[in-house]
């Protein structure tokens, strides 16, 4: 397993908290705790590697909607978890420490780009001709890191290059505000897009959660 820099993971956690407008991470031994406070994500713990602290939390936490997130493969995480925990779909922490590759074409006909720069968490949107938000994304700046978050393209508008447009627009905003290095956590579908723009896989990012099913109902959050 590759060594993971705790500073990068902490920076990602701070940027995620800023982008989601929740409490900033608090040091928890060799990881960080974020008091999220959402109905289906009360607390998240983020770790750069598996550790005794991670295992102790897995063994002692019993409340639903607590999340353990760690830069490790799911098969290694699963061996440390009591039965009440569930592994969520694998995610990928990625980095880009140079300008992204340029997109080959502009927006297709019927779309326009809208930017909201002068707010705490800048937003880029692609709007369709009927006024629908076809794609959207946000950035948070932490020192010289640009944290990309909530990059989404509506299913009806996919495969038209809108995601690339959003990413390049957010990169420009980040550069204007002094950022130089990009970090994000990607889904499998997102990973392919980011790799096409020059991003590289930094580490696997595994999430475990105690869902409500532990107390008698089924289902769990898909929030990253």
C-alpha atoms as a PDB file:
ATOM      1  CA  UNK A   1       0.000   0.000   0.000  1.00  0.00           C
ATOM      2  CA  UNK A   2       1.320   3.443  -0.916  1.00  0.00           C
ATOM      3  CA  UNK A   3       2.148   5.888   1.859  1.00  0.00           C
ATOM      4  CA  UNK A   4      -0.523   8.565   2.272  1.00  0.00           C
ATOM      5  CA  UNK A   5       0.362  12.066   3.454  1.00  0.00           C
ATOM      6  CA  UNK A   6      -1.857  12.943   6.448  1.00  0.00           C
ATOM      7  CA  UNK A   7      -1.650  16.628   5.478  1.00  0.00           C
ATOM      8  CA  UNK A   8      -3.362  15.954   2.152  1.00  0.00           C
ATOM      9  CA  UNK A   9      -6.108  13.955   3.858  1.00  0.00           C
ATOM     10  CA  UNK A  10      -6.634  16.646   6.506  1.00  0.00           C
ATOM     11  CA  UNK A  11      -6.749  19.303   3.800  1.00  0.00           C
ATOM     12  CA  UNK A  12      -9.339  17.296   1.886  1.00  0.00           C
ATOM     13  CA  UNK A  13     -11.435  16.920   5.054  1.00  0.00           C
ATOM     14  CA  UNK A  14     -11.287  20.676   5.695  1.00  0.00           C
ATOM     15  CA  UNK A  15     -12.256  21.467   2.118  1.00  0.00           C
ATOM     16  CA  UNK A  16     -15.126  18.986   2.206  1.00  0.00           C
ATOM     17  CA  UNK A  17     -16.425  20.580   5.424  1.00  0.00           C
ATOM     18  CA  UNK A  18     -16.210  24.059   3.925  1.00  0.00           C
ATOM     19  CA  UNK A  19     -17.956  22.962   0.737  1.00  0.00           C
ATOM     20  CA  UNK A  20     -20.750  21.273   2.715  1.00  0.00           C
ATOM     21  CA  UNK A  21     -20.975  24.103   5.277  1.00  0.00           C
ATOM     22  CA  UNK A  22     -20.543  21.834   8.297  1.00  0.00           C
ATOM     23  CA  UNK A  23     -18.190  21.891  11.292  1.00  0.00           C
ATOM     24  CA  UNK A  24     -14.491  21.811  10.509  1.00  0.00           C
ATOM     25  CA  UNK A  25     -12.546  18.638  11.329  1.00  0.00           C
ATOM     26  CA  UNK A  26     -11.243  18.163  14.874  1.00  0.00           C
ATOM     27  CA  UNK A  27      -8.127  16.087  15.519  1.00  0.00           C
ATOM     28  CA  UNK A  28      -8.966  12.594  16.795  1.00  0.00           C
ATOM     29  CA  UNK A  29      -5.564  11.008  17.612  1.00  0.00           C
ATOM     30  CA  UNK A  30      -4.285   9.934  14.171  1.00  0.00           C
ATOM     31  CA  UNK A  31      -7.470  10.958  12.346  1.00  0.00           C
ATOM     32  CA  UNK A  32     -10.132  13.669  12.295  1.00  0.00           C
ATOM     33  CA  UNK A  33     -13.739  13.887  13.441  1.00  0.00           C
ATOM     34  CA  UNK A  34     -16.355  15.957  11.618  1.00  0.00           C
ATOM     35  CA  UNK A  35     -19.657  16.609  13.382  1.00  0.00           C
ATOM     36  CA  UNK A  36     -21.822  16.717  10.272  1.00  0.00           C
ATOM     37  CA  UNK A  37     -25.226  16.753  11.950  1.00  0.00           C
ATOM     38  CA  UNK A  38     -27.301  15.516   9.015  1.00  0.00           C
ATOM     39  CA  UNK A  39     -30.134  13.017   9.597  1.00  0.00           C
ATOM     40  CA  UNK A  40     -28.290  10.276   7.699  1.00  0.00           C
ATOM     41  CA  UNK A  41     -24.741  11.372   8.464  1.00  0.00           C
ATOM     42  CA  UNK A  42     -24.298  12.472  12.036  1.00  0.00           C
ATOM     43  CA  UNK A  43     -20.534  12.100  12.418  1.00  0.00           C
ATOM     44  CA  UNK A  44     -17.698  11.133  10.116  1.00  0.00           C
ATOM     45  CA  UNK A  45     -14.180  10.094  11.050  1.00  0.00           C
ATOM     46  CA  UNK A  46     -11.447  10.401   8.434  1.00  0.00           C
ATOM     47  CA  UNK A  47      -8.122   8.534   8.613  1.00  0.00           C
ATOM     48  CA  UNK A  48      -5.057   8.537   6.355  1.00  0.00           C
ATOM     49  CA  UNK A  49      -4.412   4.878   7.193  1.00  0.00           C
ATOM     50  CA  UNK A  50      -5.761   2.006   9.249  1.00  0.00           C
ATOM     51  CA  UNK A  51      -4.741   2.267  12.887  1.00  0.00           C
ATOM     52  CA  UNK A  52      -5.542   1.241  16.445  1.00  0.00           C
ATOM     53  CA  UNK A  53      -7.716   4.351  16.749  1.00  0.00           C
ATOM     54  CA  UNK A  54      -9.728   3.335  13.701  1.00  0.00           C
ATOM     55  CA  UNK A  55     -10.220  -0.166  15.084  1.00  0.00           C
ATOM     56  CA  UNK A  56     -11.191   1.112  18.550  1.00  0.00           C
ATOM     57  CA  UNK A  57     -13.844   3.373  17.046  1.00  0.00           C
ATOM     58  CA  UNK A  58     -15.180   0.515  14.927  1.00  0.00           C
ATOM     59  CA  UNK A  59     -15.514  -1.635  18.040  1.00  0.00           C
ATOM     60  CA  UNK A  60     -17.036   0.997  20.347  1.00  0.00           C
ATOM     61  CA  UNK A  61     -19.396   3.024  18.112  1.00  0.00           C
ATOM     62  CA  UNK A  62     -22.894   1.556  17.927  1.00  0.00           C
ATOM     63  CA  UNK A  63     -25.063   4.545  16.919  1.00  0.00           C
ATOM     64  CA  UNK A  64     -26.435   4.592  13.343  1.00  0.00           C
ATOM     65  CA  UNK A  65     -25.267   7.074  10.719  1.00  0.00           C
ATOM     66  CA  UNK A  66     -21.698   7.234  11.995  1.00  0.00           C
ATOM     67  CA  UNK A  67     -19.123   6.936   9.220  1.00  0.00           C
ATOM     68  CA  UNK A  68     -15.538   5.696   9.231  1.00  0.00           C
ATOM     69  CA  UNK A  69     -13.531   6.807   6.197  1.00  0.00           C
ATOM     70  CA  UNK A  70      -9.979   5.671   5.541  1.00  0.00           C
ATOM     71  CA  UNK A  71      -7.378   5.618   2.789  1.00  0.00           C
ATOM     72  CA  UNK A  72      -7.205   1.842   2.485  1.00  0.00           C
ATOM     73  CA  UNK A  73      -8.689  -0.936   0.322  1.00  0.00           C
ATOM     74  CA  UNK A  74     -12.099  -2.257   1.370  1.00  0.00           C
ATOM     75  CA  UNK A  75     -10.875  -5.797   1.968  1.00  0.00           C
ATOM     76  CA  UNK A  76      -8.407  -4.528   4.577  1.00  0.00           C
ATOM     77  CA  UNK A  77     -11.061  -2.382   6.247  1.00  0.00           C
ATOM     78  CA  UNK A  78     -13.664  -5.123   6.369  1.00  0.00           C
ATOM     79  CA  UNK A  79     -11.471  -7.402   8.487  1.00  0.00           C
ATOM     80  CA  UNK A  80     -11.516  -4.811  11.312  1.00  0.00           C
ATOM     81  CA  UNK A  81     -15.264  -4.155  11.389  1.00  0.00           C
ATOM     82  CA  UNK A  82     -17.900  -5.707  13.649  1.00  0.00           C
ATOM     83  CA  UNK A  83     -20.962  -7.049  11.831  1.00  0.00           C
ATOM     84  CA  UNK A  84     -23.072  -3.889  12.373  1.00  0.00           C
ATOM     85  CA  UNK A  85     -20.890  -1.902   9.941  1.00  0.00           C
ATOM     86  CA  UNK A  86     -21.495  -1.820   6.185  1.00  0.00           C
ATOM     87  CA  UNK A  87     -18.921  -1.040   3.508  1.00  0.00           C
ATOM     88  CA  UNK A  88     -20.110   1.528   0.974  1.00  0.00           C
ATOM     89  CA  UNK A  89     -19.143   1.568  -2.725  1.00  0.00           C
ATOM     90  CA  UNK A  90     -15.450   2.259  -3.219  1.00  0.00           C
ATOM     91  CA  UNK A  91     -14.267   5.822  -3.867  1.00  0.00           C
ATOM     92  CA  UNK A  92     -10.951   7.196  -5.132  1.00  0.00           C
ATOM     93  CA  UNK A  93      -8.967  10.105  -3.706  1.00  0.00           C
ATOM     94  CA  UNK A  94      -7.298  11.851  -6.634  1.00  0.00           C
ATOM     95  CA  UNK A  95      -4.814  14.687  -7.049  1.00  0.00           C
ATOM     96  CA  UNK A  96      -3.801  17.088  -9.798  1.00  0.00           C
ATOM     97  CA  UNK A  97      -0.799  19.261  -8.998  1.00  0.00           C
ATOM     98  CA  UNK A  98      -0.553  20.859 -12.450  1.00  0.00           C
ATOM     99  CA  UNK A  99      -3.061  22.550 -14.768  1.00  0.00           C
ATOM    100  CA  UNK A 100      -5.692  20.170 -16.075  1.00  0.00           C
ATOM    101  CA  UNK A 101      -5.665  19.111 -19.706  1.00  0.00           C
ATOM    102  CA  UNK A 102      -7.630  21.507 -21.910  1.00  0.00           C
ATOM    103  CA  UNK A 103     -11.043  20.446 -23.141  1.00  0.00           C
ATOM    104  CA  UNK A 104     -11.180  19.907 -26.882  1.00  0.00           C
ATOM    105  CA  UNK A 105     -14.413  21.755 -27.488  1.00  0.00           C
ATOM    106  CA  UNK A 106     -16.579  24.406 -25.908  1.00  0.00           C
ATOM    107  CA  UNK A 107     -20.099  23.966 -24.660  1.00  0.00           C
ATOM    108  CA  UNK A 108     -22.585  22.408 -27.087  1.00  0.00           C
ATOM    109  CA  UNK A 109     -25.238  24.635 -28.595  1.00  0.00           C
ATOM    110  CA  UNK A 110     -28.023  25.443 -26.169  1.00  0.00           C
ATOM    111  CA  UNK A 111     -25.895  25.512 -23.010  1.00  0.00           C
ATOM    112  CA  UNK A 112     -24.337  28.389 -21.103  1.00  0.00           C
ATOM    113  CA  UNK A 113     -21.872  28.595 -18.222  1.00  0.00           C
ATOM    114  CA  UNK A 114     -22.739  30.547 -15.072  1.00  0.00           C
ATOM    115  CA  UNK A 115     -20.205  31.295 -12.322  1.00  0.00           C
ATOM    116  CA  UNK A 116     -20.743  32.435  -8.746  1.00  0.00           C
ATOM    117  CA  UNK A 117     -17.311  33.520  -7.568  1.00  0.00           C
ATOM    118  CA  UNK A 118     -17.846  36.010  -4.781  1.00  0.00           C
ATOM    119  CA  UNK A 119     -19.270  33.607  -2.233  1.00  0.00           C
ATOM    120  CA  UNK A 120     -17.520  31.452   0.395  1.00  0.00           C
ATOM    121  CA  UNK A 121     -17.814  28.321  -1.770  1.00  0.00           C
ATOM    122  CA  UNK A 122     -17.675  29.296  -5.466  1.00  0.00           C
ATOM    123  CA  UNK A 123     -20.032  27.457  -7.815  1.00  0.00           C
ATOM    124  CA  UNK A 124     -19.926  26.724 -11.548  1.00  0.00           C
ATOM    125  CA  UNK A 125     -23.115  25.748 -13.372  1.00  0.00           C
ATOM    126  CA  UNK A 126     -23.969  24.739 -16.904  1.00  0.00           C
ATOM    127  CA  UNK A 127     -27.531  25.809 -17.726  1.00  0.00           C
ATOM    128  CA  UNK A 128     -29.551  24.208 -20.535  1.00  0.00           C
ATOM    129  CA  UNK A 129     -31.695  26.235 -22.909  1.00  0.00           C
ATOM    130  CA  UNK A 130     -34.803  25.381 -20.882  1.00  0.00           C
ATOM    131  CA  UNK A 131     -33.202  26.826 -17.740  1.00  0.00           C
ATOM    132  CA  UNK A 132     -32.370  23.503 -16.088  1.00  0.00           C
ATOM    133  CA  UNK A 133     -29.098  23.011 -14.205  1.00  0.00           C
ATOM    134  CA  UNK A 134     -27.423  20.465 -16.470  1.00  0.00           C
ATOM    135  CA  UNK A 135     -24.140  20.278 -14.521  1.00  0.00           C
ATOM    136  CA  UNK A 136     -22.770  21.842 -11.362  1.00  0.00           C
ATOM    137  CA  UNK A 137     -19.721  21.825  -9.114  1.00  0.00           C
ATOM    138  CA  UNK A 138     -18.101  23.659  -6.219  1.00  0.00           C
ATOM    139  CA  UNK A 139     -14.623  24.465  -4.949  1.00  0.00           C
ATOM    140  CA  UNK A 140     -13.235  25.269  -1.530  1.00  0.00           C
ATOM    141  CA  UNK A 141      -9.774  26.757  -0.997  1.00  0.00           C
ATOM    142  CA  UNK A 142      -7.582  25.509   1.849  1.00  0.00           C
ATOM    143  CA  UNK A 143      -4.233  27.332   1.730  1.00  0.00           C
ATOM    144  CA  UNK A 144      -2.907  26.487  -1.741  1.00  0.00           C
ATOM    145  CA  UNK A 145      -5.149  23.441  -2.226  1.00  0.00           C
ATOM    146  CA  UNK A 146      -8.255  23.524  -4.413  1.00  0.00           C
ATOM    147  CA  UNK A 147     -10.830  21.051  -3.122  1.00  0.00           C
ATOM    148  CA  UNK A 148     -13.370  20.070  -5.790  1.00  0.00           C
ATOM    149  CA  UNK A 149     -16.720  18.834  -4.483  1.00  0.00           C
ATOM    150  CA  UNK A 150     -20.249  17.907  -5.542  1.00  0.00           C
ATOM    151  CA  UNK A 151     -19.391  17.659  -9.239  1.00  0.00           C
ATOM    152  CA  UNK A 152     -22.615  16.455 -10.852  1.00  0.00           C
ATOM    153  CA  UNK A 153     -24.072  16.186 -14.333  1.00  0.00           C
ATOM    154  CA  UNK A 154     -27.799  15.545 -14.706  1.00  0.00           C
ATOM    155  CA  UNK A 155     -28.367  12.113 -16.336  1.00  0.00           C
ATOM    156  CA  UNK A 156     -30.233  13.683 -19.266  1.00  0.00           C
ATOM    157  CA  UNK A 157     -27.199  15.834 -20.133  1.00  0.00           C
ATOM    158  CA  UNK A 158     -24.303  13.392 -19.790  1.00  0.00           C
ATOM    159  CA  UNK A 159     -21.668  12.548 -22.429  1.00  0.00           C
ATOM    160  CA  UNK A 160     -21.623  16.098 -23.810  1.00  0.00           C
ATOM    161  CA  UNK A 161     -18.471  17.378 -22.150  1.00  0.00           C
ATOM    162  CA  UNK A 162     -20.307  19.369 -19.497  1.00  0.00           C
ATOM    163  CA  UNK A 163     -18.354  17.825 -16.623  1.00  0.00           C
ATOM    164  CA  UNK A 164     -15.066  18.860 -18.224  1.00  0.00           C
ATOM    165  CA  UNK A 165     -16.374  22.405 -18.643  1.00  0.00           C
ATOM    166  CA  UNK A 166     -17.342  22.542 -14.970  1.00  0.00           C
ATOM    167  CA  UNK A 167     -13.939  21.248 -13.852  1.00  0.00           C
ATOM    168  CA  UNK A 168     -11.968  23.735 -15.958  1.00  0.00           C
ATOM    169  CA  UNK A 169     -14.169  26.609 -14.796  1.00  0.00           C
ATOM    170  CA  UNK A 170     -13.640  25.638 -11.151  1.00  0.00           C
ATOM    171  CA  UNK A 171      -9.913  25.293 -11.747  1.00  0.00           C
ATOM    172  CA  UNK A 172      -9.776  28.844 -13.107  1.00  0.00           C
ATOM    173  CA  UNK A 173     -11.574  30.121 -10.002  1.00  0.00           C
ATOM    174  CA  UNK A 174      -9.167  28.190  -7.782  1.00  0.00           C
ATOM    175  CA  UNK A 175      -6.115  29.577  -9.581  1.00  0.00           C
ATOM    176  CA  UNK A 176      -7.495  33.114  -9.303  1.00  0.00           C
ATOM    177  CA  UNK A 177      -7.755  32.649  -5.532  1.00  0.00           C
ATOM    178  CA  UNK A 178      -4.195  31.369  -5.154  1.00  0.00           C
ATOM    179  CA  UNK A 179      -4.712  27.623  -5.381  1.00  0.00           C
ATOM    180  CA  UNK A 180      -2.145  25.441  -7.132  1.00  0.00           C
ATOM    181  CA  UNK A 181      -2.945  21.828  -6.184  1.00  0.00           C
ATOM    182  CA  UNK A 182      -6.210  19.961  -6.689  1.00  0.00           C
ATOM    183  CA  UNK A 183      -7.699  17.198  -4.529  1.00  0.00           C
ATOM    184  CA  UNK A 184     -11.042  15.395  -4.810  1.00  0.00           C
ATOM    185  CA  UNK A 185     -12.756  12.102  -4.039  1.00  0.00           C
ATOM    186  CA  UNK A 186     -14.284  10.432  -7.079  1.00  0.00           C
ATOM    187  CA  UNK A 187     -16.899   7.813  -7.850  1.00  0.00           C
ATOM    188  CA  UNK A 188     -15.915   5.154 -10.419  1.00  0.00           C
ATOM    189  CA  UNK A 189     -17.689   7.120 -13.176  1.00  0.00           C
ATOM    190  CA  UNK A 190     -16.101  10.379 -12.080  1.00  0.00           C
ATOM    191  CA  UNK A 191     -12.648   8.800 -11.948  1.00  0.00           C
ATOM    192  CA  UNK A 192     -12.677   8.226 -15.710  1.00  0.00           C
ATOM    193  CA  UNK A 193     -13.557  11.882 -16.371  1.00  0.00           C
ATOM    194  CA  UNK A 194     -10.862  13.209 -14.054  1.00  0.00           C
ATOM    195  CA  UNK A 195      -8.209  10.912 -15.502  1.00  0.00           C
ATOM    196  CA  UNK A 196      -9.024  12.296 -18.959  1.00  0.00           C
ATOM    197  CA  UNK A 197      -8.218  15.759 -17.559  1.00  0.00           C
ATOM    198  CA  UNK A 198      -4.857  14.702 -16.138  1.00  0.00           C
ATOM    199  CA  UNK A 199      -5.785  13.721 -12.587  1.00  0.00           C
ATOM    200  CA  UNK A 200      -4.039  10.791 -10.911  1.00  0.00           C
ATOM    201  CA  UNK A 201      -5.223   8.246  -8.393  1.00  0.00           C
ATOM    202  CA  UNK A 202      -3.720   9.079  -4.991  1.00  0.00           C
ATOM    203  CA  UNK A 203      -5.291   6.387  -2.828  1.00  0.00           C
ATOM    204  CA  UNK A 204      -8.319   4.158  -2.486  1.00  0.00           C
ATOM    205  CA  UNK A 205     -10.874   5.692  -0.126  1.00  0.00           C
ATOM    206  CA  UNK A 206     -13.115   3.274   1.757  1.00  0.00           C
ATOM    207  CA  UNK A 207     -16.188   4.170   3.790  1.00  0.00           C
ATOM    208  CA  UNK A 208     -17.984   2.126   6.445  1.00  0.00           C
ATOM    209  CA  UNK A 209     -21.264   3.153   8.064  1.00  0.00           C
ATOM    210  CA  UNK A 210     -23.643   1.880  10.692  1.00  0.00           C
ATOM    211  CA  UNK A 211     -26.981   2.142   8.869  1.00  0.00           C
ATOM    212  CA  UNK A 212     -30.396   2.378  10.414  1.00  0.00           C
ATOM    213  CA  UNK A 213     -30.899  -1.285   9.532  1.00  0.00           C
ATOM    214  CA  UNK A 214     -28.777  -2.089  12.578  1.00  0.00           C
ATOM    215  CA  UNK A 215     -31.825  -0.941  14.565  1.00  0.00           C
ATOM    216  CA  UNK A 216     -34.426  -2.627  12.429  1.00  0.00           C
ATOM    217  CA  UNK A 217     -34.753  -0.791   9.084  1.00  0.00           C
ATOM    218  CA  UNK A 218     -32.882  -1.005   5.815  1.00  0.00           C
ATOM    219  CA  UNK A 219     -30.876   1.453   3.747  1.00  0.00           C
ATOM    220  CA  UNK A 220     -27.955   3.803   4.176  1.00  0.00           C
ATOM    221  CA  UNK A 221     -26.713   7.111   2.880  1.00  0.00           C
ATOM    222  CA  UNK A 222     -24.686   7.366  -0.316  1.00  0.00           C
ATOM    223  CA  UNK A 223     -23.126  10.666   0.686  1.00  0.00           C
ATOM    224  CA  UNK A 224     -19.400  10.695   0.141  1.00  0.00           C
END
